N, C-alpha and C. Protein backbone atom coordinates (compact mmCIF):
# COMPACT_ATOMS: atom_id res chain seq x y z
N MET A 1 10.01 8.03 -12.02
CA MET A 1 9.01 8.47 -11.04
C MET A 1 9.66 9.38 -10.00
N ILE A 2 8.95 10.42 -9.61
CA ILE A 2 9.43 11.28 -8.54
C ILE A 2 9.35 10.50 -7.24
N HIS A 3 10.45 10.49 -6.49
CA HIS A 3 10.50 9.68 -5.28
C HIS A 3 11.57 10.18 -4.33
N ILE A 4 11.53 9.66 -3.14
CA ILE A 4 12.57 9.87 -2.13
C ILE A 4 13.09 8.50 -1.72
N TYR A 5 14.43 8.39 -1.65
CA TYR A 5 15.01 7.16 -1.12
C TYR A 5 15.94 7.51 0.03
N LYS A 6 15.76 6.81 1.14
CA LYS A 6 16.63 6.97 2.30
C LYS A 6 17.17 5.61 2.68
N GLN A 7 18.49 5.45 2.60
CA GLN A 7 19.09 4.16 2.97
C GLN A 7 19.49 4.18 4.44
N ARG A 8 19.04 3.16 5.15
CA ARG A 8 19.37 3.04 6.57
C ARG A 8 20.00 1.70 6.89
N ASN A 9 19.63 0.68 6.13
CA ASN A 9 20.15 -0.66 6.38
C ASN A 9 20.12 -1.41 5.06
N LYS A 10 21.22 -1.46 4.39
CA LYS A 10 21.30 -1.98 3.02
C LYS A 10 20.70 -3.37 2.88
N GLU A 11 20.93 -4.22 3.84
CA GLU A 11 20.44 -5.60 3.76
C GLU A 11 19.10 -5.79 4.46
N GLY A 12 18.58 -4.74 5.09
CA GLY A 12 17.35 -4.87 5.85
C GLY A 12 16.10 -4.59 5.04
N LYS A 13 15.05 -4.23 5.73
CA LYS A 13 13.76 -4.01 5.11
C LYS A 13 13.67 -2.62 4.47
N THR A 14 12.83 -2.53 3.45
CA THR A 14 12.56 -1.26 2.79
C THR A 14 11.07 -1.01 2.81
N LEU A 15 10.66 0.15 3.32
CA LEU A 15 9.26 0.54 3.32
C LEU A 15 8.95 1.31 2.05
N LEU A 16 8.02 0.80 1.26
CA LEU A 16 7.53 1.45 0.06
C LEU A 16 6.33 2.29 0.46
N LEU A 17 6.47 3.62 0.43
CA LEU A 17 5.42 4.51 0.90
C LEU A 17 4.59 5.03 -0.26
N LEU A 18 3.27 4.90 -0.13
CA LEU A 18 2.33 5.24 -1.20
C LEU A 18 1.21 6.10 -0.62
N HIS A 19 1.24 7.37 -0.96
CA HIS A 19 0.35 8.37 -0.36
C HIS A 19 -1.09 8.26 -0.86
N GLY A 20 -1.97 9.00 -0.22
CA GLY A 20 -3.36 9.08 -0.65
C GLY A 20 -3.57 10.18 -1.68
N THR A 21 -4.79 10.27 -2.21
CA THR A 21 -5.12 11.30 -3.21
C THR A 21 -4.80 12.69 -2.67
N GLY A 22 -4.07 13.46 -3.48
CA GLY A 22 -3.71 14.81 -3.09
C GLY A 22 -2.43 14.90 -2.28
N GLY A 23 -1.83 13.77 -1.96
CA GLY A 23 -0.59 13.77 -1.19
C GLY A 23 0.63 13.79 -2.10
N ASP A 24 1.78 13.58 -1.49
CA ASP A 24 3.01 13.47 -2.27
C ASP A 24 3.99 12.56 -1.53
N GLU A 25 5.20 12.50 -2.03
CA GLU A 25 6.19 11.56 -1.51
C GLU A 25 6.66 11.90 -0.09
N LYS A 26 6.29 13.06 0.44
CA LYS A 26 6.70 13.45 1.79
C LYS A 26 5.66 13.07 2.85
N ASP A 27 4.44 12.78 2.43
CA ASP A 27 3.33 12.62 3.37
C ASP A 27 3.53 11.54 4.42
N LEU A 28 4.00 10.38 4.01
CA LEU A 28 4.04 9.23 4.91
C LEU A 28 5.39 9.04 5.60
N LEU A 29 6.32 9.97 5.37
CA LEU A 29 7.65 9.83 5.98
C LEU A 29 7.58 9.77 7.51
N PRO A 30 6.78 10.62 8.17
CA PRO A 30 6.69 10.51 9.64
C PRO A 30 6.11 9.19 10.11
N ILE A 31 5.20 8.63 9.33
CA ILE A 31 4.61 7.33 9.68
C ILE A 31 5.64 6.22 9.56
N ALA A 32 6.45 6.29 8.51
CA ALA A 32 7.51 5.29 8.34
C ALA A 32 8.48 5.32 9.52
N ASP A 33 8.79 6.52 10.00
CA ASP A 33 9.71 6.64 11.14
C ASP A 33 9.13 6.02 12.40
N ILE A 34 7.80 6.04 12.53
CA ILE A 34 7.16 5.40 13.69
C ILE A 34 7.16 3.88 13.53
N ILE A 35 6.80 3.41 12.35
CA ILE A 35 6.66 1.96 12.12
C ILE A 35 8.01 1.26 12.21
N ASP A 36 9.02 1.81 11.56
CA ASP A 36 10.35 1.20 11.60
C ASP A 36 11.41 2.24 11.28
N PRO A 37 11.99 2.88 12.30
CA PRO A 37 13.00 3.91 12.06
C PRO A 37 14.31 3.39 11.48
N ASN A 38 14.45 2.06 11.44
CA ASN A 38 15.68 1.47 10.91
C ASN A 38 15.55 0.96 9.48
N ALA A 39 14.34 1.03 8.92
CA ALA A 39 14.13 0.52 7.56
C ALA A 39 14.53 1.57 6.52
N ASN A 40 14.96 1.08 5.37
CA ASN A 40 15.12 1.98 4.22
C ASN A 40 13.75 2.52 3.83
N ILE A 41 13.75 3.66 3.16
CA ILE A 41 12.49 4.26 2.72
C ILE A 41 12.55 4.53 1.22
N LEU A 42 11.52 4.06 0.52
CA LEU A 42 11.31 4.42 -0.88
C LEU A 42 9.90 4.98 -0.97
N SER A 43 9.80 6.29 -1.09
CA SER A 43 8.50 6.95 -1.10
C SER A 43 8.26 7.55 -2.48
N VAL A 44 7.13 7.19 -3.08
CA VAL A 44 6.86 7.49 -4.49
C VAL A 44 5.68 8.45 -4.62
N ARG A 45 5.79 9.36 -5.59
CA ARG A 45 4.67 10.26 -5.90
C ARG A 45 3.85 9.67 -7.05
N GLY A 46 2.53 9.67 -6.88
CA GLY A 46 1.66 9.21 -7.95
C GLY A 46 1.81 10.07 -9.20
N GLN A 47 1.72 9.44 -10.36
CA GLN A 47 1.98 10.13 -11.63
C GLN A 47 0.73 10.68 -12.30
N VAL A 48 -0.43 10.42 -11.75
CA VAL A 48 -1.68 10.88 -12.35
C VAL A 48 -2.16 12.13 -11.60
N LEU A 49 -2.62 13.12 -12.35
CA LEU A 49 -3.20 14.31 -11.74
C LEU A 49 -4.71 14.32 -11.95
N GLU A 50 -5.43 14.56 -10.86
CA GLU A 50 -6.88 14.69 -10.91
C GLU A 50 -7.25 16.03 -10.27
N GLY A 51 -7.57 17.00 -11.11
CA GLY A 51 -7.87 18.33 -10.58
C GLY A 51 -6.73 18.92 -9.79
N GLY A 52 -5.50 18.61 -10.21
CA GLY A 52 -4.32 19.11 -9.51
C GLY A 52 -3.84 18.24 -8.37
N SER A 53 -4.55 17.16 -8.07
CA SER A 53 -4.20 16.27 -6.97
C SER A 53 -3.48 15.03 -7.49
N ASN A 54 -2.38 14.67 -6.85
CA ASN A 54 -1.63 13.48 -7.23
C ASN A 54 -2.39 12.21 -6.88
N ARG A 55 -2.41 11.28 -7.84
CA ARG A 55 -2.98 9.95 -7.63
C ARG A 55 -2.09 8.92 -8.31
N PHE A 56 -2.29 7.64 -7.94
CA PHE A 56 -1.49 6.58 -8.55
C PHE A 56 -2.15 5.99 -9.79
N PHE A 57 -3.46 6.19 -9.95
CA PHE A 57 -4.15 5.75 -11.16
C PHE A 57 -5.43 6.56 -11.31
N ARG A 58 -5.99 6.54 -12.50
CA ARG A 58 -7.18 7.34 -12.77
C ARG A 58 -8.44 6.66 -12.21
N ARG A 59 -9.44 7.47 -11.99
CA ARG A 59 -10.76 6.95 -11.67
C ARG A 59 -11.80 7.66 -12.54
N LEU A 60 -12.89 6.98 -12.78
CA LEU A 60 -13.96 7.51 -13.63
C LEU A 60 -14.94 8.35 -12.82
N ALA A 61 -15.07 8.02 -11.53
CA ALA A 61 -15.92 8.75 -10.59
C ALA A 61 -15.48 8.32 -9.20
N MET A 62 -16.03 8.93 -8.16
CA MET A 62 -15.69 8.54 -6.80
C MET A 62 -15.99 7.06 -6.58
N GLY A 63 -14.94 6.30 -6.28
CA GLY A 63 -15.11 4.88 -6.03
C GLY A 63 -15.20 4.02 -7.28
N VAL A 64 -15.07 4.63 -8.47
CA VAL A 64 -15.12 3.88 -9.74
C VAL A 64 -13.78 4.02 -10.43
N PHE A 65 -13.01 2.94 -10.45
CA PHE A 65 -11.64 3.01 -10.96
C PHE A 65 -11.60 2.79 -12.46
N ASP A 66 -10.64 3.45 -13.11
CA ASP A 66 -10.31 3.18 -14.51
C ASP A 66 -9.43 1.94 -14.50
N LEU A 67 -10.00 0.78 -14.74
CA LEU A 67 -9.29 -0.48 -14.54
C LEU A 67 -8.14 -0.66 -15.51
N GLU A 68 -8.30 -0.19 -16.73
CA GLU A 68 -7.20 -0.29 -17.69
C GLU A 68 -6.00 0.52 -17.21
N ASP A 69 -6.27 1.72 -16.72
CA ASP A 69 -5.18 2.55 -16.21
C ASP A 69 -4.60 1.96 -14.94
N LEU A 70 -5.44 1.38 -14.08
CA LEU A 70 -4.96 0.73 -12.86
C LEU A 70 -3.96 -0.36 -13.18
N VAL A 71 -4.28 -1.22 -14.13
CA VAL A 71 -3.39 -2.32 -14.49
C VAL A 71 -2.08 -1.76 -15.06
N PHE A 72 -2.17 -0.75 -15.91
CA PHE A 72 -0.97 -0.14 -16.50
C PHE A 72 -0.10 0.50 -15.43
N ARG A 73 -0.71 1.27 -14.52
CA ARG A 73 0.06 1.97 -13.49
C ARG A 73 0.64 1.00 -12.47
N THR A 74 -0.06 -0.08 -12.20
CA THR A 74 0.46 -1.12 -11.31
C THR A 74 1.72 -1.74 -11.90
N LYS A 75 1.67 -2.04 -13.18
CA LYS A 75 2.84 -2.61 -13.86
C LYS A 75 4.01 -1.63 -13.82
N ARG A 76 3.73 -0.35 -14.06
CA ARG A 76 4.78 0.67 -14.03
C ARG A 76 5.41 0.79 -12.64
N LEU A 77 4.59 0.74 -11.62
CA LEU A 77 5.11 0.84 -10.26
C LEU A 77 5.94 -0.37 -9.90
N LYS A 78 5.48 -1.54 -10.30
CA LYS A 78 6.25 -2.76 -10.02
C LYS A 78 7.59 -2.71 -10.75
N GLU A 79 7.60 -2.25 -11.98
CA GLU A 79 8.85 -2.13 -12.72
C GLU A 79 9.78 -1.10 -12.08
N PHE A 80 9.19 -0.01 -11.58
CA PHE A 80 10.00 1.00 -10.90
C PHE A 80 10.61 0.42 -9.63
N LEU A 81 9.84 -0.37 -8.91
CA LEU A 81 10.35 -1.01 -7.69
C LEU A 81 11.52 -1.93 -8.01
N ASP A 82 11.41 -2.70 -9.08
CA ASP A 82 12.51 -3.56 -9.51
C ASP A 82 13.75 -2.73 -9.85
N TRP A 83 13.53 -1.63 -10.59
CA TRP A 83 14.65 -0.74 -10.96
C TRP A 83 15.30 -0.13 -9.73
N ALA A 84 14.47 0.35 -8.80
CA ALA A 84 14.99 1.01 -7.61
C ALA A 84 15.84 0.06 -6.76
N ALA A 85 15.41 -1.19 -6.64
CA ALA A 85 16.17 -2.17 -5.86
C ALA A 85 17.56 -2.36 -6.44
N GLU A 86 17.64 -2.39 -7.76
CA GLU A 86 18.94 -2.53 -8.42
C GLU A 86 19.75 -1.23 -8.32
N HIS A 87 19.09 -0.11 -8.56
CA HIS A 87 19.76 1.19 -8.58
C HIS A 87 20.31 1.57 -7.20
N TYR A 88 19.49 1.35 -6.17
CA TYR A 88 19.89 1.73 -4.81
C TYR A 88 20.48 0.57 -4.02
N ASP A 89 20.46 -0.62 -4.62
CA ASP A 89 21.08 -1.80 -4.04
C ASP A 89 20.49 -2.16 -2.68
N PHE A 90 19.14 -2.21 -2.62
CA PHE A 90 18.51 -2.72 -1.40
C PHE A 90 17.95 -4.12 -1.66
N ASN A 91 17.62 -4.82 -0.60
CA ASN A 91 17.16 -6.21 -0.67
C ASN A 91 15.75 -6.25 -1.26
N ARG A 92 15.64 -6.72 -2.48
CA ARG A 92 14.35 -6.72 -3.18
C ARG A 92 13.32 -7.63 -2.53
N SER A 93 13.79 -8.63 -1.79
CA SER A 93 12.87 -9.59 -1.19
C SER A 93 12.31 -9.13 0.15
N GLN A 94 12.72 -7.93 0.60
CA GLN A 94 12.24 -7.44 1.90
C GLN A 94 11.59 -6.06 1.74
N VAL A 95 10.64 -5.96 0.83
CA VAL A 95 9.92 -4.71 0.59
C VAL A 95 8.53 -4.81 1.21
N ILE A 96 8.21 -3.81 2.03
CA ILE A 96 6.90 -3.75 2.70
C ILE A 96 6.20 -2.48 2.24
N ALA A 97 5.06 -2.63 1.61
CA ALA A 97 4.29 -1.46 1.18
C ALA A 97 3.52 -0.88 2.36
N VAL A 98 3.52 0.44 2.46
CA VAL A 98 2.70 1.16 3.43
C VAL A 98 1.90 2.18 2.63
N GLY A 99 0.60 1.92 2.47
CA GLY A 99 -0.22 2.78 1.62
C GLY A 99 -1.45 3.28 2.34
N TYR A 100 -1.84 4.49 1.97
CA TYR A 100 -3.06 5.08 2.53
C TYR A 100 -4.03 5.42 1.40
N SER A 101 -5.26 4.93 1.50
CA SER A 101 -6.34 5.25 0.56
C SER A 101 -5.92 4.89 -0.87
N ASN A 102 -5.75 5.86 -1.76
CA ASN A 102 -5.35 5.56 -3.13
C ASN A 102 -4.03 4.79 -3.18
N GLY A 103 -3.11 5.13 -2.29
CA GLY A 103 -1.85 4.40 -2.22
C GLY A 103 -2.03 2.97 -1.74
N ALA A 104 -2.97 2.77 -0.80
CA ALA A 104 -3.27 1.41 -0.36
C ALA A 104 -3.90 0.60 -1.48
N ASN A 105 -4.69 1.26 -2.31
CA ASN A 105 -5.35 0.56 -3.41
C ASN A 105 -4.35 0.06 -4.44
N ILE A 106 -3.34 0.88 -4.76
CA ILE A 106 -2.37 0.40 -5.75
C ILE A 106 -1.42 -0.63 -5.12
N ALA A 107 -1.19 -0.52 -3.81
CA ALA A 107 -0.41 -1.57 -3.14
C ALA A 107 -1.17 -2.90 -3.19
N ALA A 108 -2.48 -2.85 -2.95
CA ALA A 108 -3.29 -4.06 -3.06
C ALA A 108 -3.27 -4.60 -4.49
N SER A 109 -3.28 -3.68 -5.47
CA SER A 109 -3.24 -4.10 -6.86
C SER A 109 -1.94 -4.82 -7.19
N ILE A 110 -0.83 -4.38 -6.60
CA ILE A 110 0.44 -5.10 -6.78
C ILE A 110 0.31 -6.53 -6.27
N LEU A 111 -0.29 -6.69 -5.09
CA LEU A 111 -0.50 -8.03 -4.55
C LEU A 111 -1.38 -8.86 -5.47
N PHE A 112 -2.41 -8.23 -6.02
CA PHE A 112 -3.35 -8.94 -6.90
C PHE A 112 -2.68 -9.41 -8.20
N HIS A 113 -1.69 -8.66 -8.67
CA HIS A 113 -1.11 -8.94 -9.99
C HIS A 113 0.26 -9.63 -9.96
N TYR A 114 1.01 -9.49 -8.87
CA TYR A 114 2.40 -9.98 -8.86
C TYR A 114 2.67 -10.74 -7.56
N LYS A 115 2.90 -12.01 -7.69
CA LYS A 115 3.01 -12.92 -6.56
C LYS A 115 4.10 -12.53 -5.57
N ASP A 116 5.28 -12.21 -6.03
CA ASP A 116 6.43 -12.01 -5.14
C ASP A 116 6.92 -10.57 -5.09
N ALA A 117 6.07 -9.64 -5.45
CA ALA A 117 6.52 -8.24 -5.52
C ALA A 117 6.70 -7.61 -4.14
N LEU A 118 5.93 -8.07 -3.15
CA LEU A 118 5.98 -7.51 -1.80
C LEU A 118 6.11 -8.63 -0.77
N GLN A 119 6.84 -8.35 0.28
CA GLN A 119 6.93 -9.30 1.39
C GLN A 119 5.76 -9.10 2.35
N GLN A 120 5.41 -7.83 2.56
CA GLN A 120 4.31 -7.48 3.45
C GLN A 120 3.63 -6.23 2.90
N ALA A 121 2.44 -5.95 3.43
CA ALA A 121 1.75 -4.71 3.07
C ALA A 121 0.91 -4.24 4.25
N ILE A 122 0.97 -2.94 4.51
CA ILE A 122 0.11 -2.28 5.49
C ILE A 122 -0.81 -1.36 4.70
N LEU A 123 -2.09 -1.68 4.71
CA LEU A 123 -3.07 -0.98 3.87
C LEU A 123 -4.02 -0.18 4.76
N PHE A 124 -3.85 1.13 4.76
CA PHE A 124 -4.73 2.01 5.53
C PHE A 124 -5.91 2.45 4.66
N HIS A 125 -7.11 2.04 5.02
CA HIS A 125 -8.34 2.46 4.35
C HIS A 125 -8.35 2.13 2.85
N PRO A 126 -8.19 0.86 2.52
CA PRO A 126 -8.18 0.44 1.12
C PRO A 126 -9.56 0.03 0.61
N MET A 127 -9.64 -0.15 -0.70
CA MET A 127 -10.80 -0.77 -1.35
C MET A 127 -10.29 -1.96 -2.16
N VAL A 128 -11.20 -2.77 -2.66
CA VAL A 128 -10.83 -3.81 -3.62
C VAL A 128 -10.45 -3.12 -4.91
N PRO A 129 -9.21 -3.26 -5.38
CA PRO A 129 -8.80 -2.52 -6.56
C PRO A 129 -9.43 -3.03 -7.86
N ILE A 130 -9.57 -4.35 -7.95
CA ILE A 130 -10.07 -4.96 -9.18
C ILE A 130 -10.54 -6.37 -8.85
N ASN A 131 -11.58 -6.82 -9.51
CA ASN A 131 -12.04 -8.19 -9.30
C ASN A 131 -11.33 -9.12 -10.27
N LYS A 132 -10.44 -9.92 -9.76
CA LYS A 132 -9.68 -10.87 -10.57
C LYS A 132 -9.21 -12.01 -9.67
N GLU A 133 -8.78 -13.08 -10.30
CA GLU A 133 -8.21 -14.19 -9.54
C GLU A 133 -6.83 -13.80 -9.05
N LEU A 134 -6.59 -14.01 -7.77
CA LEU A 134 -5.31 -13.63 -7.19
C LEU A 134 -4.29 -14.76 -7.30
N PRO A 135 -3.01 -14.41 -7.31
CA PRO A 135 -1.98 -15.45 -7.24
C PRO A 135 -1.95 -16.07 -5.85
N ASP A 136 -1.22 -17.13 -5.69
CA ASP A 136 -1.03 -17.76 -4.38
C ASP A 136 -0.13 -16.83 -3.55
N LEU A 137 -0.69 -16.30 -2.46
CA LEU A 137 0.04 -15.33 -1.63
C LEU A 137 0.50 -15.95 -0.32
N THR A 138 0.73 -17.25 -0.31
CA THR A 138 1.24 -17.93 0.86
C THR A 138 2.53 -17.26 1.34
N GLY A 139 2.57 -16.94 2.64
CA GLY A 139 3.76 -16.33 3.21
C GLY A 139 3.79 -14.82 3.16
N ILE A 140 2.80 -14.20 2.50
CA ILE A 140 2.73 -12.74 2.43
C ILE A 140 1.86 -12.23 3.57
N ASN A 141 2.40 -11.32 4.37
CA ASN A 141 1.67 -10.76 5.50
C ASN A 141 1.01 -9.44 5.10
N VAL A 142 -0.28 -9.30 5.39
CA VAL A 142 -1.02 -8.10 5.03
C VAL A 142 -1.85 -7.62 6.22
N LEU A 143 -1.75 -6.33 6.50
CA LEU A 143 -2.59 -5.69 7.51
C LEU A 143 -3.52 -4.71 6.82
N ILE A 144 -4.82 -4.84 7.10
CA ILE A 144 -5.81 -3.88 6.60
C ILE A 144 -6.34 -3.11 7.80
N CYS A 145 -6.22 -1.79 7.77
CA CYS A 145 -6.82 -0.92 8.79
C CYS A 145 -7.98 -0.17 8.16
N ALA A 146 -9.16 -0.31 8.72
CA ALA A 146 -10.36 0.24 8.09
C ALA A 146 -11.22 0.96 9.11
N GLY A 147 -12.00 1.93 8.62
CA GLY A 147 -12.90 2.69 9.46
C GLY A 147 -14.32 2.15 9.37
N GLU A 148 -14.96 1.96 10.51
CA GLU A 148 -16.32 1.45 10.53
C GLU A 148 -17.31 2.43 9.92
N ASN A 149 -16.94 3.71 9.87
CA ASN A 149 -17.82 4.75 9.32
C ASN A 149 -17.13 5.51 8.20
N ASP A 150 -16.34 4.80 7.41
CA ASP A 150 -15.58 5.42 6.32
C ASP A 150 -16.50 5.62 5.10
N PRO A 151 -16.77 6.87 4.70
CA PRO A 151 -17.66 7.10 3.57
C PRO A 151 -16.97 6.94 2.21
N ILE A 152 -15.63 6.94 2.21
CA ILE A 152 -14.87 6.86 0.95
C ILE A 152 -14.48 5.43 0.64
N CYS A 153 -14.01 4.72 1.64
CA CYS A 153 -13.69 3.29 1.49
C CYS A 153 -14.62 2.52 2.43
N PRO A 154 -15.80 2.16 1.94
CA PRO A 154 -16.84 1.56 2.79
C PRO A 154 -16.37 0.27 3.48
N PRO A 155 -16.90 0.00 4.68
CA PRO A 155 -16.49 -1.19 5.43
C PRO A 155 -16.62 -2.49 4.64
N GLN A 156 -17.66 -2.60 3.81
CA GLN A 156 -17.82 -3.84 3.05
C GLN A 156 -16.68 -4.05 2.05
N GLN A 157 -16.07 -2.96 1.60
CA GLN A 157 -14.92 -3.08 0.70
C GLN A 157 -13.72 -3.66 1.44
N ALA A 158 -13.48 -3.17 2.65
CA ALA A 158 -12.38 -3.70 3.45
C ALA A 158 -12.60 -5.18 3.76
N GLN A 159 -13.84 -5.54 4.09
CA GLN A 159 -14.14 -6.94 4.39
C GLN A 159 -13.96 -7.82 3.15
N GLN A 160 -14.40 -7.33 2.00
CA GLN A 160 -14.24 -8.09 0.76
C GLN A 160 -12.76 -8.27 0.42
N LEU A 161 -11.98 -7.21 0.62
CA LEU A 161 -10.54 -7.31 0.35
C LEU A 161 -9.90 -8.34 1.27
N TYR A 162 -10.28 -8.31 2.54
CA TYR A 162 -9.78 -9.31 3.49
C TYR A 162 -10.12 -10.71 3.01
N ASP A 163 -11.37 -10.94 2.62
CA ASP A 163 -11.81 -12.26 2.19
C ASP A 163 -11.02 -12.74 0.97
N MET A 164 -10.78 -11.84 0.03
CA MET A 164 -10.04 -12.21 -1.18
C MET A 164 -8.59 -12.57 -0.87
N LEU A 165 -7.96 -11.79 -0.01
CA LEU A 165 -6.56 -12.07 0.35
C LEU A 165 -6.47 -13.34 1.17
N PHE A 166 -7.44 -13.56 2.05
CA PHE A 166 -7.46 -14.78 2.87
C PHE A 166 -7.60 -16.00 1.97
N THR A 167 -8.50 -15.92 0.99
CA THR A 167 -8.70 -17.03 0.05
C THR A 167 -7.43 -17.30 -0.75
N ALA A 168 -6.64 -16.24 -1.01
CA ALA A 168 -5.38 -16.39 -1.75
C ALA A 168 -4.24 -16.86 -0.85
N LYS A 169 -4.57 -17.18 0.42
CA LYS A 169 -3.64 -17.77 1.39
C LYS A 169 -2.64 -16.78 1.96
N ALA A 170 -2.93 -15.47 1.85
CA ALA A 170 -2.11 -14.49 2.54
C ALA A 170 -2.37 -14.58 4.05
N GLU A 171 -1.38 -14.19 4.84
CA GLU A 171 -1.57 -14.06 6.29
C GLU A 171 -2.12 -12.66 6.52
N VAL A 172 -3.44 -12.53 6.57
CA VAL A 172 -4.07 -11.22 6.56
C VAL A 172 -4.79 -10.93 7.86
N THR A 173 -4.65 -9.70 8.33
CA THR A 173 -5.29 -9.22 9.55
C THR A 173 -6.12 -7.99 9.21
N LEU A 174 -7.34 -7.93 9.74
CA LEU A 174 -8.23 -6.78 9.53
C LEU A 174 -8.51 -6.13 10.87
N LEU A 175 -8.10 -4.86 11.00
CA LEU A 175 -8.31 -4.10 12.22
C LEU A 175 -9.29 -2.97 11.95
N TRP A 176 -10.33 -2.89 12.77
CA TRP A 176 -11.34 -1.85 12.62
C TRP A 176 -11.10 -0.73 13.61
N GLN A 177 -11.40 0.50 13.19
CA GLN A 177 -11.43 1.62 14.11
C GLN A 177 -12.77 2.34 13.90
N PRO A 178 -13.28 3.02 14.94
CA PRO A 178 -14.64 3.52 14.88
C PRO A 178 -14.85 4.75 13.99
N GLY A 179 -13.79 5.36 13.52
CA GLY A 179 -13.92 6.61 12.78
C GLY A 179 -14.19 6.43 11.30
N GLY A 180 -13.85 7.48 10.54
CA GLY A 180 -14.10 7.50 9.11
C GLY A 180 -12.85 7.25 8.31
N HIS A 181 -12.58 8.15 7.34
CA HIS A 181 -11.48 7.91 6.40
C HIS A 181 -10.14 8.47 6.89
N ARG A 182 -10.18 9.35 7.86
CA ARG A 182 -8.94 9.98 8.33
C ARG A 182 -8.03 8.95 8.99
N LEU A 183 -6.76 9.03 8.69
CA LEU A 183 -5.77 8.15 9.29
C LEU A 183 -5.46 8.63 10.70
N THR A 184 -5.58 7.75 11.68
CA THR A 184 -5.41 8.15 13.08
C THR A 184 -4.10 7.60 13.65
N MET A 185 -3.64 8.25 14.72
CA MET A 185 -2.43 7.78 15.39
C MET A 185 -2.64 6.39 15.98
N GLU A 186 -3.86 6.11 16.43
CA GLU A 186 -4.15 4.78 16.99
C GLU A 186 -3.89 3.70 15.95
N GLU A 187 -4.29 3.95 14.71
CA GLU A 187 -4.05 2.98 13.63
C GLU A 187 -2.56 2.80 13.37
N ILE A 188 -1.84 3.91 13.37
CA ILE A 188 -0.41 3.84 13.12
C ILE A 188 0.30 3.03 14.20
N VAL A 189 -0.11 3.25 15.45
CA VAL A 189 0.48 2.49 16.55
C VAL A 189 0.12 1.01 16.44
N GLU A 190 -1.13 0.72 16.07
CA GLU A 190 -1.52 -0.67 15.86
C GLU A 190 -0.72 -1.32 14.73
N ALA A 191 -0.48 -0.54 13.66
CA ALA A 191 0.32 -1.05 12.55
C ALA A 191 1.75 -1.34 12.98
N LYS A 192 2.31 -0.49 13.81
CA LYS A 192 3.65 -0.70 14.32
C LYS A 192 3.72 -1.99 15.14
N THR A 193 2.70 -2.19 16.01
CA THR A 193 2.65 -3.40 16.83
C THR A 193 2.57 -4.64 15.96
N TRP A 194 1.69 -4.60 14.95
CA TRP A 194 1.56 -5.72 14.02
C TRP A 194 2.88 -5.98 13.29
N TYR A 195 3.50 -4.92 12.80
CA TYR A 195 4.74 -5.02 12.03
C TYR A 195 5.86 -5.65 12.86
N GLU A 196 5.93 -5.28 14.13
CA GLU A 196 7.02 -5.77 14.97
C GLU A 196 6.87 -7.25 15.30
N LYS A 197 5.66 -7.78 15.14
CA LYS A 197 5.43 -9.20 15.40
C LYS A 197 5.71 -10.08 14.19
N LYS A 198 5.89 -9.46 13.01
CA LYS A 198 6.08 -10.22 11.78
C LYS A 198 7.56 -10.44 11.47
């Protein structure tokens, strides 16, 4: 997978950065520097192209995911994460996903499919990736940042995702902002505050 790795603290935390549709591995680097300038960075480019735009998995229409491809791409990303931890020699048990939109959706899918793949996740404007029984996520911290007027990731999707993660015993927080789908500095600052308390 095309990616960027920056080592800052070999034994410390690693931020797994997952961009939105049309983004690339450089998009979330400034956000990572705000959230934790001392964390390692592993930023990945989605391998699927949709009309020339990078994505992490295919969709059949707006808001309709190709579930078979989602499961396949989730497995590939998890395997890449395992490989990267060994290759770059970072602490595999201290990986925090930071995803926006499509990237948040595949980060949520990792949580849905793999119990110990992530220590924490910051999900900016996510949807429910797939309806399935979740593993026991006790001890996993998750922040969902959602827009009250988001036309792409509707508020009910964020609420449903929260409910599913809560039922799976994750330590989950849902923060609302009044805008739409655009990622705001206010959300990033709120994510930093949440992250520093965990």
